[in-house]
Amino acid sequence: MLRPVDTSEATVKRQLNELKKKGAIARIGSNKTGHWEVCVAR
């Protein structure tokens, strides 16, 4: 089950952009069939 969060859509988009800039997440594939991957530094 999921629980609702009290976070606006704008906040989620802003946080995703920060993670992308830092290289912490990456989009693999197209927008329709792709997926997100978490990049782990070794």
PDB file of N, CA and C in Angstrom:
ATOM      1  N   MET A   1       0.828  -1.180   0.000  1.00  0.00           N
ATOM      2  CA  MET A   1       0.000   0.000   0.000  1.00  0.00           C
ATOM      3  C   MET A   1       0.872   1.243   0.000  1.00  0.00           C
ATOM      4  N   LEU A   2       0.355   2.261  -0.612  1.00  0.00           N
ATOM      5  CA  LEU A   2       1.039   3.543  -0.638  1.00  0.00           C
ATOM      6  C   LEU A   2       0.362   4.493   0.323  1.00  0.00           C
ATOM      7  N   ARG A   3       1.150   5.401   0.843  1.00  0.00           N
ATOM      8  CA  ARG A   3       0.562   6.426   1.694  1.00  0.00           C
ATOM      9  C   ARG A   3       0.778   7.784   1.040  1.00  0.00           C
ATOM     10  N   PRO A   4      -0.167   8.674   1.149  1.00  0.00           N
ATOM     11  CA  PRO A   4      -0.029   9.993   0.530  1.00  0.00           C
ATOM     12  C   PRO A   4       1.073  10.801   1.216  1.00  0.00           C
ATOM     13  N   VAL A   5       1.710  11.667   0.440  1.00  0.00           N
ATOM     14  CA  VAL A   5       2.739  12.551   0.991  1.00  0.00           C
ATOM     15  C   VAL A   5       2.290  13.990   0.816  1.00  0.00           C
ATOM     16  N   ASP A   6       2.737  14.826   1.710  1.00  0.00           N
ATOM     17  CA  ASP A   6       2.378  16.239   1.643  1.00  0.00           C
ATOM     18  C   ASP A   6       3.474  17.021   0.925  1.00  0.00           C
ATOM     19  N   THR A   7       3.760  16.615  -0.308  1.00  0.00           N
ATOM     20  CA  THR A   7       4.789  17.264  -1.114  1.00  0.00           C
ATOM     21  C   THR A   7       4.173  17.654  -2.449  1.00  0.00           C
ATOM     22  N   SER A   8       4.426  18.886  -2.858  1.00  0.00           N
ATOM     23  CA  SER A   8       3.848  19.351  -4.115  1.00  0.00           C
ATOM     24  C   SER A   8       4.587  18.755  -5.307  1.00  0.00           C
ATOM     25  N   GLU A   9       3.933  18.784  -6.440  1.00  0.00           N
ATOM     26  CA  GLU A   9       4.534  18.276  -7.673  1.00  0.00           C
ATOM     27  C   GLU A   9       5.787  19.079  -8.023  1.00  0.00           C
ATOM     28  N   ALA A  10       5.741  20.377  -7.791  1.00  0.00           N
ATOM     29  CA  ALA A  10       6.895  21.233  -8.082  1.00  0.00           C
ATOM     30  C   ALA A  10       8.106  20.832  -7.241  1.00  0.00           C
ATOM     31  N   THR A  11       7.879  20.487  -5.984  1.00  0.00           N
ATOM     32  CA  THR A  11       8.966  20.069  -5.105  1.00  0.00           C
ATOM     33  C   THR A  11       9.579  18.766  -5.590  1.00  0.00           C
ATOM     34  N   VAL A  12       8.753  17.832  -6.003  1.00  0.00           N
ATOM     35  CA  VAL A  12       9.240  16.550  -6.505  1.00  0.00           C
ATOM     36  C   VAL A  12      10.074  16.769  -7.762  1.00  0.00           C
ATOM     37  N   LYS A  13       9.600  17.599  -8.682  1.00  0.00           N
ATOM     38  CA  LYS A  13      10.346  17.890  -9.907  1.00  0.00           C
ATOM     39  C   LYS A  13      11.686  18.549  -9.591  1.00  0.00           C
ATOM     40  N   ARG A  14      11.688  19.485  -8.657  1.00  0.00           N
ATOM     41  CA  ARG A  14      12.914  20.178  -8.257  1.00  0.00           C
ATOM     42  C   ARG A  14      13.921  19.186  -7.664  1.00  0.00           C
ATOM     43  N   GLN A  15      13.461  18.289  -6.817  1.00  0.00           N
ATOM     44  CA  GLN A  15      14.344  17.307  -6.195  1.00  0.00           C
ATOM     45  C   GLN A  15      14.885  16.318  -7.227  1.00  0.00           C
ATOM     46  N   LEU A  16      14.052  15.889  -8.188  1.00  0.00           N
ATOM     47  CA  LEU A  16      14.521  15.004  -9.256  1.00  0.00           C
ATOM     48  C   LEU A  16      15.593  15.687 -10.092  1.00  0.00           C
ATOM     49  N   ASN A  17      15.400  16.975 -10.408  1.00  0.00           N
ATOM     50  CA  ASN A  17      16.405  17.712 -11.179  1.00  0.00           C
ATOM     51  C   ASN A  17      17.726  17.782 -10.432  1.00  0.00           C
ATOM     52  N   GLU A  18      17.690  17.987  -9.136  1.00  0.00           N
ATOM     53  CA  GLU A  18      18.917  18.023  -8.330  1.00  0.00           C
ATOM     54  C   GLU A  18      19.623  16.667  -8.361  1.00  0.00           C
ATOM     55  N   LEU A  19      18.866  15.581  -8.238  1.00  0.00           N
ATOM     56  CA  LEU A  19      19.458  14.246  -8.277  1.00  0.00           C
ATOM     57  C   LEU A  19      20.086  13.967  -9.643  1.00  0.00           C
ATOM     58  N   LYS A  20      19.436  14.441 -10.724  1.00  0.00           N
ATOM     59  CA  LYS A  20      19.991  14.259 -12.062  1.00  0.00           C
ATOM     60  C   LYS A  20      21.291  15.046 -12.217  1.00  0.00           C
ATOM     61  N   LYS A  21      21.325  16.283 -11.727  1.00  0.00           N
ATOM     62  CA  LYS A  21      22.533  17.112 -11.814  1.00  0.00           C
ATOM     63  C   LYS A  21      23.702  16.484 -11.064  1.00  0.00           C
ATOM     64  N   LYS A  22      23.414  15.870  -9.928  1.00  0.00           N
ATOM     65  CA  LYS A  22      24.459  15.253  -9.112  1.00  0.00           C
ATOM     66  C   LYS A  22      24.899  13.898  -9.662  1.00  0.00           C
ATOM     67  N   GLY A  23      24.149  13.367 -10.643  1.00  0.00           N
ATOM     68  CA  GLY A  23      24.479  12.072 -11.211  1.00  0.00           C
ATOM     69  C   GLY A  23      24.016  10.915 -10.345  1.00  0.00           C
ATOM     70  N   ALA A  24      23.081  11.171  -9.436  1.00  0.00           N
ATOM     71  CA  ALA A  24      22.591  10.138  -8.529  1.00  0.00           C
ATOM     72  C   ALA A  24      21.548   9.241  -9.185  1.00  0.00           C
ATOM     73  N   ILE A  25      20.841   9.771 -10.204  1.00  0.00           N
ATOM     74  CA  ILE A  25      19.867   8.978 -10.940  1.00  0.00           C
ATOM     75  C   ILE A  25      20.055   9.233 -12.429  1.00  0.00           C
ATOM     76  N   ALA A  26      19.665   8.266 -13.236  1.00  0.00           N
ATOM     77  CA  ALA A  26      19.782   8.410 -14.682  1.00  0.00           C
ATOM     78  C   ALA A  26      18.585   7.753 -15.354  1.00  0.00           C
ATOM     79  N   ARG A  27      18.110   8.375 -16.411  1.00  0.00           N
ATOM     80  CA  ARG A  27      17.010   7.839 -17.196  1.00  0.00           C
ATOM     81  C   ARG A  27      17.605   6.925 -18.260  1.00  0.00           C
ATOM     82  N   ILE A  28      17.172   5.696 -18.306  1.00  0.00           N
ATOM     83  CA  ILE A  28      17.640   4.722 -19.276  1.00  0.00           C
ATOM     84  C   ILE A  28      16.503   4.427 -20.240  1.00  0.00           C
ATOM     85  N   GLY A  29      16.719   4.677 -21.521  1.00  0.00           N
ATOM     86  CA  GLY A  29      15.690   4.424 -22.527  1.00  0.00           C
ATOM     87  C   GLY A  29      14.810   5.634 -22.775  1.00  0.00           C
ATOM     88  N   SER A  30      13.740   5.399 -23.497  1.00  0.00           N
ATOM     89  CA  SER A  30      12.836   6.480 -23.894  1.00  0.00           C
ATOM     90  C   SER A  30      11.896   6.865 -22.754  1.00  0.00           C
ATOM     91  N   ASN A  31      11.214   7.982 -22.948  1.00  0.00           N
ATOM     92  CA  ASN A  31      10.248   8.430 -21.942  1.00  0.00           C
ATOM     93  C   ASN A  31       9.088   7.449 -21.796  1.00  0.00           C
ATOM     94  N   LYS A  32       8.730   6.778 -22.883  1.00  0.00           N
ATOM     95  CA  LYS A  32       7.587   5.870 -22.844  1.00  0.00           C
ATOM     96  C   LYS A  32       7.936   4.513 -22.241  1.00  0.00           C
ATOM     97  N   THR A  33       9.049   3.941 -22.647  1.00  0.00           N
ATOM     98  CA  THR A  33       9.360   2.577 -22.220  1.00  0.00           C
ATOM     99  C   THR A  33      10.592   2.481 -21.331  1.00  0.00           C
ATOM    100  N   GLY A  34      11.228   3.612 -21.050  1.00  0.00           N
ATOM    101  CA  GLY A  34      12.445   3.603 -20.246  1.00  0.00           C
ATOM    102  C   GLY A  34      12.171   3.471 -18.756  1.00  0.00           C
ATOM    103  N   HIS A  35      13.267   3.563 -17.989  1.00  0.00           N
ATOM    104  CA  HIS A  35      13.144   3.473 -16.544  1.00  0.00           C
ATOM    105  C   HIS A  35      14.258   4.295 -15.893  1.00  0.00           C
ATOM    106  N   TRP A  36      14.137   4.536 -14.600  1.00  0.00           N
ATOM    107  CA  TRP A  36      15.146   5.280 -13.846  1.00  0.00           C
ATOM    108  C   TRP A  36      16.069   4.282 -13.163  1.00  0.00           C
ATOM    109  N   GLU A  37      17.352   4.619 -13.109  1.00  0.00           N
ATOM    110  CA  GLU A  37      18.318   3.816 -12.366  1.00  0.00           C
ATOM    111  C   GLU A  37      19.025   4.700 -11.354  1.00  0.00           C
ATOM    112  N   VAL A  38      19.281   4.128 -10.203  1.00  0.00           N
ATOM    113  CA  VAL A  38      20.044   4.824  -9.169  1.00  0.00           C
ATOM    114  C   VAL A  38      21.507   4.524  -9.426  1.00  0.00           C
ATOM    115  N   CYS A  39      22.316   5.568  -9.526  1.00  0.00           N
ATOM    116  CA  CYS A  39      23.751   5.411  -9.790  1.00  0.00           C
ATOM    117  C   CYS A  39      24.487   5.377  -8.464  1.00  0.00           C
ATOM    118  N   VAL A  40      25.205   4.280  -8.226  1.00  0.00           N
ATOM    119  CA  VAL A  40      25.916   4.106  -6.974  1.00  0.00           C
ATOM    120  C   VAL A  40      27.400   4.333  -7.216  1.00  0.00           C
ATOM    121  N   ALA A  41      27.991   5.245  -6.457  1.00  0.00           N
ATOM    122  CA  ALA A  41      29.426   5.511  -6.568  1.00  0.00           C
ATOM    123  C   ALA A  41      30.186   4.415  -5.827  1.00  0.00           C
ATOM    124  N   ARG A  42      31.267   3.961  -6.423  1.00  0.00           N
ATOM    125  CA  ARG A  42      32.068   2.910  -5.787  1.00  0.00           C
ATOM    126  C   ARG A  42      33.326   3.465  -5.219  1.00  0.00           C
TER     127      ARG A  42
END
